[in-house]
Amino acid sequence: MANAFWLVKSEPYKYPYAQLEKDGRTVWDGVRNYEARNNIKAMSEGDLVLFYHSNEGKEVVGVARVVRGPYPDPTAPPDEDWAAVDMEPVCRLRTPVSLGAMKAEPRLQSMALLRRARLSVLPVTRKEFLQVLKMGHTELPEVMQTAPPTP
């Protein structure tokens, strides 16, 4: 399992999870909020990411994995300090997990998504990550489950 867990938001009309599946890999760039940028800078190769459709749907629809750690955002002006990572799809949730369902789940009450709703990149605890997967009736592919445990 990953060393750290995250949630990223994307408006489905701009970049839906289905497009990530089709592309096979993407650059997660264009973030222009300092706190979200700091979260991107804290990501590492192998970290797992909940993929959340914002505005339309408002639900976690899939899991991605960071395949290249932070580097300078290629869409940023050269004199500005913004970061990007590369991600690939891992699996689609069998059942999307809505914002309402997460708000109603007592085990997710301290989840950053519910406290810092405007941020586009948020940390997620291992317990929160696993709870969202459970709510989505989804297990990670076997290859992901056999990765070395985190300390």
C-alpha atoms as a PDB file:
ATOM      1  CA  MET A   1       0.000   0.000   0.000  1.00  0.00           C
ATOM      2  CA  ALA A   2       1.097   3.596  -0.522  1.00  0.00           C
ATOM      3  CA  ASN A   3       3.100   5.749   1.866  1.00  0.00           C
ATOM      4  CA  ALA A   4       0.552   8.561   1.694  1.00  0.00           C
ATOM      5  CA  PHE A   5      -2.958   9.127   0.416  1.00  0.00           C
ATOM      6  CA  TRP A   6      -4.529  12.108  -1.298  1.00  0.00           C
ATOM      7  CA  LEU A   7      -7.696  13.356  -2.925  1.00  0.00           C
ATOM      8  CA  VAL A   8      -7.661  15.428  -6.107  1.00  0.00           C
ATOM      9  CA  LYS A   9     -10.624  17.233  -7.591  1.00  0.00           C
ATOM     10  CA  SER A  10     -11.407  17.652 -11.233  1.00  0.00           C
ATOM     11  CA  GLU A  11     -14.462  19.042 -12.926  1.00  0.00           C
ATOM     12  CA  PRO A  12     -15.713  16.175 -15.097  1.00  0.00           C
ATOM     13  CA  TYR A  13     -16.316  18.400 -18.104  1.00  0.00           C
ATOM     14  CA  LYS A  14     -12.626  19.412 -18.003  1.00  0.00           C
ATOM     15  CA  TYR A  15     -10.911  16.128 -17.118  1.00  0.00           C
ATOM     16  CA  PRO A  16     -13.047  13.163 -15.995  1.00  0.00           C
ATOM     17  CA  TYR A  17     -11.655   9.938 -14.571  1.00  0.00           C
ATOM     18  CA  ALA A  18     -12.673   8.226 -17.816  1.00  0.00           C
ATOM     19  CA  GLN A  19     -10.181  10.467 -19.632  1.00  0.00           C
ATOM     20  CA  LEU A  20      -7.408   9.452 -17.222  1.00  0.00           C
ATOM     21  CA  GLU A  21      -8.273   5.814 -17.968  1.00  0.00           C
ATOM     22  CA  LYS A  22      -8.139   6.531 -21.704  1.00  0.00           C
ATOM     23  CA  ASP A  23      -4.874   8.509 -21.459  1.00  0.00           C
ATOM     24  CA  GLY A  24      -3.210   5.975 -19.151  1.00  0.00           C
ATOM     25  CA  ARG A  25      -1.189   8.744 -17.506  1.00  0.00           C
ATOM     26  CA  THR A  26      -1.502  12.481 -17.014  1.00  0.00           C
ATOM     27  CA  VAL A  27       0.351  15.505 -15.701  1.00  0.00           C
ATOM     28  CA  TRP A  28      -1.517  16.986 -12.730  1.00  0.00           C
ATOM     29  CA  ASP A  29      -0.695  20.641 -13.239  1.00  0.00           C
ATOM     30  CA  GLY A  30      -2.309  24.057 -13.203  1.00  0.00           C
ATOM     31  CA  VAL A  31      -2.931  24.188  -9.442  1.00  0.00           C
ATOM     32  CA  ARG A  32      -2.732  27.808  -8.319  1.00  0.00           C
ATOM     33  CA  ASN A  33      -3.458  27.662  -4.604  1.00  0.00           C
ATOM     34  CA  TYR A  34      -0.498  27.664  -2.211  1.00  0.00           C
ATOM     35  CA  GLU A  35      -1.912  25.091   0.212  1.00  0.00           C
ATOM     36  CA  ALA A  36      -2.867  22.734  -2.629  1.00  0.00           C
ATOM     37  CA  ARG A  37       0.579  23.306  -4.190  1.00  0.00           C
ATOM     38  CA  ASN A  38       2.216  22.350  -0.895  1.00  0.00           C
ATOM     39  CA  ASN A  39       0.157  19.156  -0.896  1.00  0.00           C
ATOM     40  CA  ILE A  40       1.390  18.377  -4.418  1.00  0.00           C
ATOM     41  CA  LYS A  41       4.963  18.990  -3.260  1.00  0.00           C
ATOM     42  CA  ALA A  42       4.394  16.464  -0.445  1.00  0.00           C
ATOM     43  CA  MET A  43       3.326  13.702  -2.860  1.00  0.00           C
ATOM     44  CA  SER A  44       5.673  10.821  -3.653  1.00  0.00           C
ATOM     45  CA  GLU A  45       5.842   8.187  -6.335  1.00  0.00           C
ATOM     46  CA  GLY A  46       3.533   5.332  -5.347  1.00  0.00           C
ATOM     47  CA  ASP A  47       1.093   7.445  -3.300  1.00  0.00           C
ATOM     48  CA  LEU A  48      -2.560   6.627  -3.911  1.00  0.00           C
ATOM     49  CA  VAL A  49      -5.092   9.273  -4.857  1.00  0.00           C
ATOM     50  CA  LEU A  50      -8.885   9.384  -4.632  1.00  0.00           C
ATOM     51  CA  PHE A  51     -10.207  11.013  -7.817  1.00  0.00           C
ATOM     52  CA  TYR A  52     -13.149  13.296  -7.050  1.00  0.00           C
ATOM     53  CA  HIS A  53     -15.499  14.813  -9.612  1.00  0.00           C
ATOM     54  CA  SER A  54     -16.277  18.323  -8.386  1.00  0.00           C
ATOM     55  CA  ASN A  55     -19.214  20.562  -9.286  1.00  0.00           C
ATOM     56  CA  GLU A  56     -21.036  17.903 -11.370  1.00  0.00           C
ATOM     57  CA  GLY A  57     -21.573  14.721  -9.406  1.00  0.00           C
ATOM     58  CA  LYS A  58     -19.567  15.697  -6.330  1.00  0.00           C
ATOM     59  CA  GLU A  59     -18.322  12.164  -5.782  1.00  0.00           C
ATOM     60  CA  VAL A  60     -15.209  10.027  -5.595  1.00  0.00           C
ATOM     61  CA  VAL A  61     -15.203   7.957  -8.771  1.00  0.00           C
ATOM     62  CA  GLY A  62     -11.776   6.324  -8.937  1.00  0.00           C
ATOM     63  CA  VAL A  63      -8.304   5.719  -7.593  1.00  0.00           C
ATOM     64  CA  ALA A  64      -5.090   6.920  -9.205  1.00  0.00           C
ATOM     65  CA  ARG A  65      -1.417   6.494  -8.327  1.00  0.00           C
ATOM     66  CA  VAL A  66       1.400   9.035  -8.395  1.00  0.00           C
ATOM     67  CA  VAL A  67       3.972   7.742 -10.899  1.00  0.00           C
ATOM     68  CA  ARG A  68       6.291  10.746 -10.870  1.00  0.00           C
ATOM     69  CA  GLY A  69       6.853  12.878  -7.794  1.00  0.00           C
ATOM     70  CA  PRO A  70       6.730  16.671  -7.740  1.00  0.00           C
ATOM     71  CA  TYR A  71       8.525  18.752 -10.339  1.00  0.00           C
ATOM     72  CA  PRO A  72       8.106  22.335 -11.612  1.00  0.00           C
ATOM     73  CA  ASP A  73       4.687  22.866 -13.192  1.00  0.00           C
ATOM     74  CA  PRO A  74       5.281  23.227 -16.954  1.00  0.00           C
ATOM     75  CA  THR A  75       2.233  25.522 -17.249  1.00  0.00           C
ATOM     76  CA  ALA A  76       3.557  28.046 -14.710  1.00  0.00           C
ATOM     77  CA  PRO A  77       5.563  31.161 -15.490  1.00  0.00           C
ATOM     78  CA  PRO A  78       9.288  30.413 -15.015  1.00  0.00           C
ATOM     79  CA  ASP A  79       9.637  32.808 -12.072  1.00  0.00           C
ATOM     80  CA  GLU A  80       6.763  31.231 -10.083  1.00  0.00           C
ATOM     81  CA  ASP A  81       7.017  28.245  -7.736  1.00  0.00           C
ATOM     82  CA  TRP A  82       4.229  25.834  -8.741  1.00  0.00           C
ATOM     83  CA  ALA A  83       4.414  22.043  -8.831  1.00  0.00           C
ATOM     84  CA  ALA A  84       2.996  19.132 -10.806  1.00  0.00           C
ATOM     85  CA  VAL A  85       2.988  15.338 -10.497  1.00  0.00           C
ATOM     86  CA  ASP A  86       2.217  12.558 -12.951  1.00  0.00           C
ATOM     87  CA  MET A  87      -0.602  10.119 -12.198  1.00  0.00           C
ATOM     88  CA  GLU A  88      -2.012   6.940 -13.700  1.00  0.00           C
ATOM     89  CA  PRO A  89      -5.381   5.256 -13.138  1.00  0.00           C
ATOM     90  CA  VAL A  90      -5.579   2.318 -10.727  1.00  0.00           C
ATOM     91  CA  CYS A  91      -9.283   1.437 -10.704  1.00  0.00           C
ATOM     92  CA  ARG A  92     -12.733   2.911 -10.966  1.00  0.00           C
ATOM     93  CA  LEU A  93     -14.950   2.668  -7.867  1.00  0.00           C
ATOM     94  CA  ARG A  94     -17.744   0.144  -8.368  1.00  0.00           C
ATOM     95  CA  THR A  95     -20.095   2.627  -6.749  1.00  0.00           C
ATOM     96  CA  PRO A  96     -19.168   6.326  -6.717  1.00  0.00           C
ATOM     97  CA  VAL A  97     -19.091   7.769  -3.188  1.00  0.00           C
ATOM     98  CA  SER A  98     -20.980  11.050  -2.995  1.00  0.00           C
ATOM     99  CA  LEU A  99     -20.066  14.054  -0.917  1.00  0.00           C
ATOM    100  CA  GLY A 100     -23.355  13.575   0.964  1.00  0.00           C
ATOM    101  CA  ALA A 101     -22.478   9.970   1.819  1.00  0.00           C
ATOM    102  CA  MET A 102     -19.049  11.044   3.091  1.00  0.00           C
ATOM    103  CA  LYS A 103     -20.601  13.812   5.207  1.00  0.00           C
ATOM    104  CA  ALA A 104     -23.017  11.271   6.696  1.00  0.00           C
ATOM    105  CA  GLU A 105     -20.274   8.753   7.559  1.00  0.00           C
ATOM    106  CA  PRO A 106     -19.096   9.261  11.181  1.00  0.00           C
ATOM    107  CA  ARG A 107     -15.646   7.768  10.394  1.00  0.00           C
ATOM    108  CA  LEU A 108     -15.023  10.543   7.838  1.00  0.00           C
ATOM    109  CA  GLN A 109     -16.018  13.545   9.945  1.00  0.00           C
ATOM    110  CA  SER A 110     -12.451  14.866  10.208  1.00  0.00           C
ATOM    111  CA  MET A 111     -11.649  14.273   6.520  1.00  0.00           C
ATOM    112  CA  ALA A 112      -9.931  17.307   4.955  1.00  0.00           C
ATOM    113  CA  LEU A 113     -12.448  17.295   2.084  1.00  0.00           C
ATOM    114  CA  LEU A 114     -15.213  18.103   4.564  1.00  0.00           C
ATOM    115  CA  ARG A 115     -13.205  20.804   6.339  1.00  0.00           C
ATOM    116  CA  ARG A 116     -11.286  22.422   3.443  1.00  0.00           C
ATOM    117  CA  ALA A 117     -13.844  21.925   0.676  1.00  0.00           C
ATOM    118  CA  ARG A 118     -12.390  24.533  -1.700  1.00  0.00           C
ATOM    119  CA  LEU A 119      -8.929  22.957  -2.020  1.00  0.00           C
ATOM    120  CA  SER A 120      -8.257  20.904  -5.148  1.00  0.00           C
ATOM    121  CA  VAL A 121      -5.551  18.673  -3.619  1.00  0.00           C
ATOM    122  CA  LEU A 122      -6.068  17.340  -0.101  1.00  0.00           C
ATOM    123  CA  PRO A 123      -4.404  14.817   2.200  1.00  0.00           C
ATOM    124  CA  VAL A 124      -6.393  11.722   3.175  1.00  0.00           C
ATOM    125  CA  THR A 125      -5.534   9.344   6.021  1.00  0.00           C
ATOM    126  CA  ARG A 126      -5.099   5.642   5.362  1.00  0.00           C
ATOM    127  CA  LYS A 127      -8.277   4.929   7.380  1.00  0.00           C
ATOM    128  CA  GLU A 128     -10.257   7.512   5.388  1.00  0.00           C
ATOM    129  CA  PHE A 129      -8.935   6.111   2.104  1.00  0.00           C
ATOM    130  CA  LEU A 130      -9.933   2.576   3.055  1.00  0.00           C
ATOM    131  CA  GLN A 131     -13.350   3.749   4.308  1.00  0.00           C
ATOM    132  CA  VAL A 132     -14.094   5.464   0.981  1.00  0.00           C
ATOM    133  CA  LEU A 133     -13.082   2.297  -0.873  1.00  0.00           C
ATOM    134  CA  LYS A 134     -15.381   0.265   1.386  1.00  0.00           C
ATOM    135  CA  MET A 135     -18.265   2.682   0.777  1.00  0.00           C
ATOM    136  CA  GLY A 136     -17.580   2.373  -2.963  1.00  0.00           C
ATOM    137  CA  HIS A 137     -17.663  -1.447  -2.767  1.00  0.00           C
ATOM    138  CA  THR A 138     -14.181  -1.465  -4.251  1.00  0.00           C
ATOM    139  CA  GLU A 139     -10.985  -3.356  -3.538  1.00  0.00           C
ATOM    140  CA  LEU A 140      -7.661  -2.350  -4.980  1.00  0.00           C
ATOM    141  CA  PRO A 141      -6.223  -4.656  -7.628  1.00  0.00           C
ATOM    142  CA  GLU A 142      -4.289  -7.511  -6.054  1.00  0.00           C
ATOM    143  CA  VAL A 143      -0.928  -6.121  -7.169  1.00  0.00           C
ATOM    144  CA  MET A 144      -1.613  -2.985  -5.090  1.00  0.00           C
ATOM    145  CA  GLN A 145      -2.539  -4.989  -1.998  1.00  0.00           C
ATOM    146  CA  THR A 146       0.745  -6.906  -1.973  1.00  0.00           C
ATOM    147  CA  ALA A 147       2.929  -3.803  -1.861  1.00  0.00           C
ATOM    148  CA  PRO A 148       5.058  -3.474   1.285  1.00  0.00           C
ATOM    149  CA  PRO A 149       3.158  -2.069   4.259  1.00  0.00           C
ATOM    150  CA  THR A 150       3.850   1.444   5.439  1.00  0.00           C
ATOM    151  CA  PRO A 151       5.721   1.874   8.714  1.00  0.00           C
END
